[in-house]
């Protein structure tokens, strides 16, 4: 038991990191796209959220990781899409058979 589990899938795309106007290729096999759900022992997440806000926090896992906890990835699903933008909602509706 690790105390946490974060679903993720391997990146299917090539990935580049931009730092100081220099784009560097990253190894696709080492890149995972984090999904939800993200689960944590209550003691881990409660302790993590006692720390001051940091702009590098993008999800619960990044907050918990900042207190020194190792995050454990479990296999997610490519069908588990994230709805962030209006076009994501349209894709979800099509997948659910509700598209017009």
N, C-alpha and C. Protein backbone atom coordinates (compact mmCIF):
# COMPACT_ATOMS: atom_id res chain seq x y z
N UNK A 1 0.84 -1.18 0.00
CA UNK A 1 0.00 0.00 0.00
C UNK A 1 0.89 1.24 0.00
N UNK A 2 0.58 2.17 -0.89
CA UNK A 2 1.40 3.37 -1.04
C UNK A 2 0.76 4.61 -0.44
N UNK A 3 -0.51 4.55 -0.17
CA UNK A 3 -1.18 5.71 0.40
C UNK A 3 -1.75 6.65 -0.64
N UNK A 4 -1.46 6.40 -1.91
CA UNK A 4 -2.04 7.23 -2.97
C UNK A 4 -2.01 6.46 -4.28
N UNK A 5 -2.89 6.88 -5.19
CA UNK A 5 -2.92 6.31 -6.53
C UNK A 5 -3.47 7.37 -7.47
N UNK A 6 -2.72 7.63 -8.52
CA UNK A 6 -3.11 8.64 -9.51
C UNK A 6 -3.18 7.96 -10.87
N UNK A 7 -4.33 8.04 -11.52
CA UNK A 7 -4.46 7.41 -12.83
C UNK A 7 -3.73 8.25 -13.88
N UNK A 8 -3.13 7.56 -14.85
CA UNK A 8 -2.38 8.23 -15.91
C UNK A 8 -2.26 7.30 -17.10
N UNK A 9 -2.05 7.91 -18.27
CA UNK A 9 -1.81 7.16 -19.50
C UNK A 9 -0.52 7.68 -20.14
N UNK A 10 0.16 6.79 -20.87
CA UNK A 10 1.36 7.21 -21.59
C UNK A 10 0.99 8.20 -22.68
N UNK A 11 1.85 9.16 -22.90
CA UNK A 11 1.62 10.12 -23.97
C UNK A 11 1.70 9.41 -25.31
N UNK A 12 0.75 9.71 -26.18
CA UNK A 12 0.78 9.17 -27.54
C UNK A 12 1.48 10.16 -28.47
N UNK A 13 1.65 11.37 -28.00
CA UNK A 13 2.23 12.43 -28.81
C UNK A 13 3.70 12.63 -28.50
N UNK A 14 4.42 13.19 -29.45
CA UNK A 14 5.76 13.67 -29.17
C UNK A 14 5.61 14.91 -28.30
N UNK A 15 6.55 15.09 -27.38
CA UNK A 15 6.44 16.19 -26.43
C UNK A 15 7.73 16.99 -26.44
N UNK A 16 7.58 18.31 -26.39
CA UNK A 16 8.74 19.20 -26.31
C UNK A 16 8.55 20.12 -25.12
N UNK A 17 9.65 20.45 -24.46
CA UNK A 17 9.62 21.38 -23.34
C UNK A 17 10.30 22.67 -23.78
N UNK A 18 9.66 23.79 -23.53
CA UNK A 18 10.20 25.09 -23.91
C UNK A 18 10.70 25.81 -22.66
N UNK A 19 12.01 26.08 -22.62
CA UNK A 19 12.64 26.83 -21.52
C UNK A 19 13.57 27.85 -22.14
N UNK A 20 13.41 29.10 -21.74
CA UNK A 20 14.27 30.18 -22.24
C UNK A 20 14.33 30.20 -23.76
N UNK A 21 13.17 30.01 -24.39
CA UNK A 21 13.05 30.02 -25.85
C UNK A 21 13.80 28.89 -26.55
N UNK A 22 14.15 27.84 -25.84
CA UNK A 22 14.80 26.67 -26.42
C UNK A 22 13.87 25.47 -26.24
N UNK A 23 13.46 24.85 -27.35
CA UNK A 23 12.59 23.67 -27.31
C UNK A 23 13.43 22.41 -27.29
N UNK A 24 13.16 21.57 -26.30
CA UNK A 24 13.90 20.32 -26.14
C UNK A 24 12.93 19.15 -26.21
N UNK A 25 13.31 18.13 -26.96
CA UNK A 25 12.49 16.94 -27.07
C UNK A 25 12.57 16.13 -25.78
N UNK A 26 11.42 15.66 -25.32
CA UNK A 26 11.37 14.78 -24.15
C UNK A 26 11.07 13.36 -24.63
N UNK A 27 11.49 12.38 -23.86
CA UNK A 27 11.26 10.99 -24.22
C UNK A 27 9.80 10.63 -23.97
N UNK A 28 9.07 10.38 -25.03
CA UNK A 28 7.64 10.08 -24.95
C UNK A 28 7.36 8.92 -24.00
N UNK A 29 8.22 7.92 -23.96
CA UNK A 29 8.00 6.77 -23.09
C UNK A 29 8.10 7.11 -21.61
N UNK A 30 8.63 8.28 -21.29
CA UNK A 30 8.74 8.71 -19.89
C UNK A 30 7.68 9.74 -19.52
N UNK A 31 6.78 10.06 -20.45
CA UNK A 31 5.76 11.08 -20.21
C UNK A 31 4.41 10.41 -20.00
N UNK A 32 3.78 10.75 -18.90
CA UNK A 32 2.44 10.25 -18.59
C UNK A 32 1.50 11.43 -18.43
N UNK A 33 0.30 11.27 -18.95
CA UNK A 33 -0.73 12.28 -18.83
C UNK A 33 -1.63 11.90 -17.66
N UNK A 34 -1.66 12.76 -16.66
CA UNK A 34 -2.37 12.49 -15.42
C UNK A 34 -3.86 12.70 -15.62
N UNK A 35 -4.64 11.82 -15.04
CA UNK A 35 -6.09 11.87 -15.12
C UNK A 35 -6.68 11.94 -13.72
N UNK A 36 -7.97 11.92 -13.65
CA UNK A 36 -8.65 11.73 -12.39
C UNK A 36 -9.39 10.41 -12.49
N UNK A 37 -9.62 9.72 -11.42
CA UNK A 37 -9.48 10.21 -10.06
C UNK A 37 -8.05 10.15 -9.55
N UNK A 38 -7.80 10.96 -8.56
CA UNK A 38 -6.55 10.93 -7.81
C UNK A 38 -6.96 10.64 -6.37
N UNK A 39 -6.38 9.60 -5.79
CA UNK A 39 -6.78 9.22 -4.43
C UNK A 39 -5.59 9.28 -3.49
N UNK A 40 -5.87 9.68 -2.25
CA UNK A 40 -4.82 9.84 -1.23
C UNK A 40 -5.36 9.44 0.12
N UNK A 41 -4.48 8.93 0.97
CA UNK A 41 -4.87 8.75 2.36
C UNK A 41 -5.22 10.14 2.89
N UNK A 42 -6.23 10.21 3.71
CA UNK A 42 -6.66 11.53 4.20
C UNK A 42 -5.54 12.26 4.92
N UNK A 43 -4.66 11.53 5.62
CA UNK A 43 -3.56 12.20 6.32
C UNK A 43 -2.60 12.88 5.34
N UNK A 44 -2.36 12.25 4.18
CA UNK A 44 -1.46 12.85 3.18
C UNK A 44 -2.05 14.14 2.63
N UNK A 45 -3.28 14.10 2.19
CA UNK A 45 -3.85 15.26 1.52
C UNK A 45 -4.13 16.39 2.50
N UNK A 46 -4.54 16.06 3.71
CA UNK A 46 -4.77 17.11 4.72
C UNK A 46 -3.47 17.83 5.06
N UNK A 47 -2.41 17.07 5.26
CA UNK A 47 -1.11 17.68 5.56
C UNK A 47 -0.63 18.53 4.39
N UNK A 48 -0.81 18.03 3.18
CA UNK A 48 -0.35 18.75 1.99
C UNK A 48 -1.04 20.10 1.85
N UNK A 49 -2.33 20.14 2.12
CA UNK A 49 -3.07 21.38 1.94
C UNK A 49 -2.89 22.37 3.09
N UNK A 50 -2.07 22.04 4.07
CA UNK A 50 -1.72 23.00 5.11
C UNK A 50 -0.59 23.92 4.66
N UNK A 51 0.12 23.54 3.60
CA UNK A 51 1.24 24.36 3.13
C UNK A 51 0.72 25.56 2.32
N UNK A 52 1.53 26.60 2.23
CA UNK A 52 1.11 27.78 1.45
C UNK A 52 0.95 27.44 -0.03
N UNK A 53 0.05 28.17 -0.68
CA UNK A 53 -0.19 27.99 -2.11
C UNK A 53 1.08 28.25 -2.90
N UNK A 54 1.27 27.48 -3.96
CA UNK A 54 2.40 27.65 -4.86
C UNK A 54 1.86 27.57 -6.28
N UNK A 55 2.33 28.45 -7.16
CA UNK A 55 1.82 28.47 -8.53
C UNK A 55 2.12 27.19 -9.30
N UNK A 56 3.04 26.37 -8.82
CA UNK A 56 3.34 25.12 -9.53
C UNK A 56 2.33 24.02 -9.20
N UNK A 57 1.40 24.29 -8.27
CA UNK A 57 0.36 23.31 -7.96
C UNK A 57 -0.66 23.31 -9.10
N UNK A 58 -0.79 22.16 -9.77
CA UNK A 58 -1.75 22.05 -10.86
C UNK A 58 -2.85 21.05 -10.56
N UNK A 59 -2.65 20.22 -9.55
CA UNK A 59 -3.63 19.22 -9.15
C UNK A 59 -3.28 18.74 -7.76
N UNK A 60 -4.12 17.87 -7.20
CA UNK A 60 -3.86 17.36 -5.85
C UNK A 60 -2.51 16.65 -5.75
N UNK A 61 -2.14 15.91 -6.80
CA UNK A 61 -0.88 15.17 -6.77
C UNK A 61 0.31 16.12 -6.62
N UNK A 62 0.28 17.25 -7.31
CA UNK A 62 1.41 18.18 -7.21
C UNK A 62 1.50 18.81 -5.81
N UNK A 63 0.36 18.98 -5.16
CA UNK A 63 0.35 19.52 -3.80
C UNK A 63 0.92 18.49 -2.83
N UNK A 64 0.49 17.24 -2.96
CA UNK A 64 0.97 16.18 -2.07
C UNK A 64 2.46 15.91 -2.32
N UNK A 65 2.87 15.92 -3.57
CA UNK A 65 4.27 15.67 -3.91
C UNK A 65 5.19 16.70 -3.25
N UNK A 66 4.73 17.92 -3.12
CA UNK A 66 5.55 19.00 -2.56
C UNK A 66 5.94 18.76 -1.10
N UNK A 67 5.19 17.92 -0.39
CA UNK A 67 5.57 17.62 1.00
C UNK A 67 6.46 16.39 1.09
N UNK A 68 6.92 15.90 -0.08
CA UNK A 68 7.88 14.81 -0.09
C UNK A 68 7.29 13.42 -0.28
N UNK A 69 6.01 13.34 -0.56
CA UNK A 69 5.36 12.04 -0.76
C UNK A 69 5.57 11.61 -2.21
N UNK A 70 5.93 10.34 -2.41
CA UNK A 70 6.09 9.79 -3.75
C UNK A 70 4.70 9.47 -4.31
N UNK A 71 4.43 9.95 -5.51
CA UNK A 71 3.14 9.72 -6.16
C UNK A 71 3.22 8.43 -6.96
N UNK A 72 2.23 7.59 -6.82
CA UNK A 72 2.19 6.30 -7.50
C UNK A 72 1.15 6.33 -8.62
N UNK A 73 1.60 6.06 -9.83
CA UNK A 73 0.72 6.06 -10.99
C UNK A 73 0.11 4.69 -11.20
N UNK A 74 -1.17 4.68 -11.57
CA UNK A 74 -1.84 3.45 -11.96
C UNK A 74 -2.42 3.67 -13.35
N UNK A 75 -2.58 2.58 -14.09
CA UNK A 75 -3.02 2.67 -15.48
C UNK A 75 -4.41 3.28 -15.60
N UNK A 76 -4.47 4.34 -16.40
CA UNK A 76 -5.75 4.98 -16.69
C UNK A 76 -6.30 4.48 -18.00
N UNK A 77 -7.18 5.26 -18.60
CA UNK A 77 -7.81 4.89 -19.86
C UNK A 77 -7.83 6.10 -20.78
N UNK A 78 -7.54 5.87 -22.05
CA UNK A 78 -7.60 6.95 -23.03
C UNK A 78 -9.04 7.43 -23.24
N UNK A 79 -10.00 6.62 -22.86
CA UNK A 79 -11.40 7.02 -22.96
C UNK A 79 -11.82 7.95 -21.83
N UNK A 80 -10.99 8.06 -20.81
CA UNK A 80 -11.26 8.94 -19.67
C UNK A 80 -10.79 10.35 -20.05
N UNK A 81 -11.63 11.06 -20.81
CA UNK A 81 -11.21 12.36 -21.32
C UNK A 81 -11.47 13.45 -20.28
N UNK A 82 -10.66 14.48 -20.35
CA UNK A 82 -10.80 15.63 -19.46
C UNK A 82 -11.63 16.69 -20.17
N UNK A 83 -12.59 17.23 -19.48
CA UNK A 83 -13.41 18.29 -20.05
C UNK A 83 -12.96 19.62 -19.47
N UNK A 84 -12.23 20.37 -20.29
CA UNK A 84 -11.70 21.67 -19.88
C UNK A 84 -12.22 22.78 -20.77
N UNK A 85 -12.31 22.50 -22.05
CA UNK A 85 -12.69 23.50 -23.04
C UNK A 85 -14.01 23.10 -23.69
N UNK A 86 -14.72 24.05 -24.30
CA UNK A 86 -16.01 23.73 -24.94
C UNK A 86 -15.92 22.58 -25.93
N UNK A 87 -14.83 22.49 -26.69
CA UNK A 87 -14.71 21.40 -27.65
C UNK A 87 -14.61 20.03 -26.97
N UNK A 88 -14.08 20.01 -25.74
CA UNK A 88 -14.02 18.75 -24.99
C UNK A 88 -15.43 18.26 -24.66
N UNK A 89 -16.31 19.17 -24.34
CA UNK A 89 -17.69 18.81 -24.04
C UNK A 89 -18.37 18.25 -25.29
N UNK A 90 -18.09 18.84 -26.44
CA UNK A 90 -18.66 18.34 -27.69
C UNK A 90 -18.16 16.93 -27.98
N UNK A 91 -16.89 16.67 -27.73
CA UNK A 91 -16.33 15.33 -27.93
C UNK A 91 -16.99 14.34 -26.98
N UNK A 92 -17.16 14.72 -25.73
CA UNK A 92 -17.80 13.85 -24.74
C UNK A 92 -19.24 13.53 -25.15
N UNK A 93 -19.94 14.52 -25.64
CA UNK A 93 -21.32 14.29 -26.09
C UNK A 93 -21.35 13.30 -27.25
N UNK A 94 -20.42 13.42 -28.17
CA UNK A 94 -20.35 12.48 -29.29
C UNK A 94 -20.05 11.07 -28.80
N UNK A 95 -19.12 10.94 -27.85
CA UNK A 95 -18.75 9.64 -27.32
C UNK A 95 -19.93 8.99 -26.58
N UNK A 96 -20.75 9.82 -25.96
CA UNK A 96 -21.90 9.31 -25.23
C UNK A 96 -23.11 9.06 -26.14
N UNK A 97 -22.97 9.43 -27.41
CA UNK A 97 -24.06 9.23 -28.35
C UNK A 97 -25.11 10.31 -28.29
N UNK A 98 -24.74 11.46 -27.67
CA UNK A 98 -25.69 12.55 -27.53
C UNK A 98 -25.43 13.67 -28.54
N UNK A 99 -24.47 13.46 -29.45
CA UNK A 99 -24.15 14.51 -30.42
C UNK A 99 -25.27 14.69 -31.42
N UNK A 100 -25.38 15.88 -31.96
CA UNK A 100 -26.45 16.12 -32.94
C UNK A 100 -25.97 15.93 -34.35
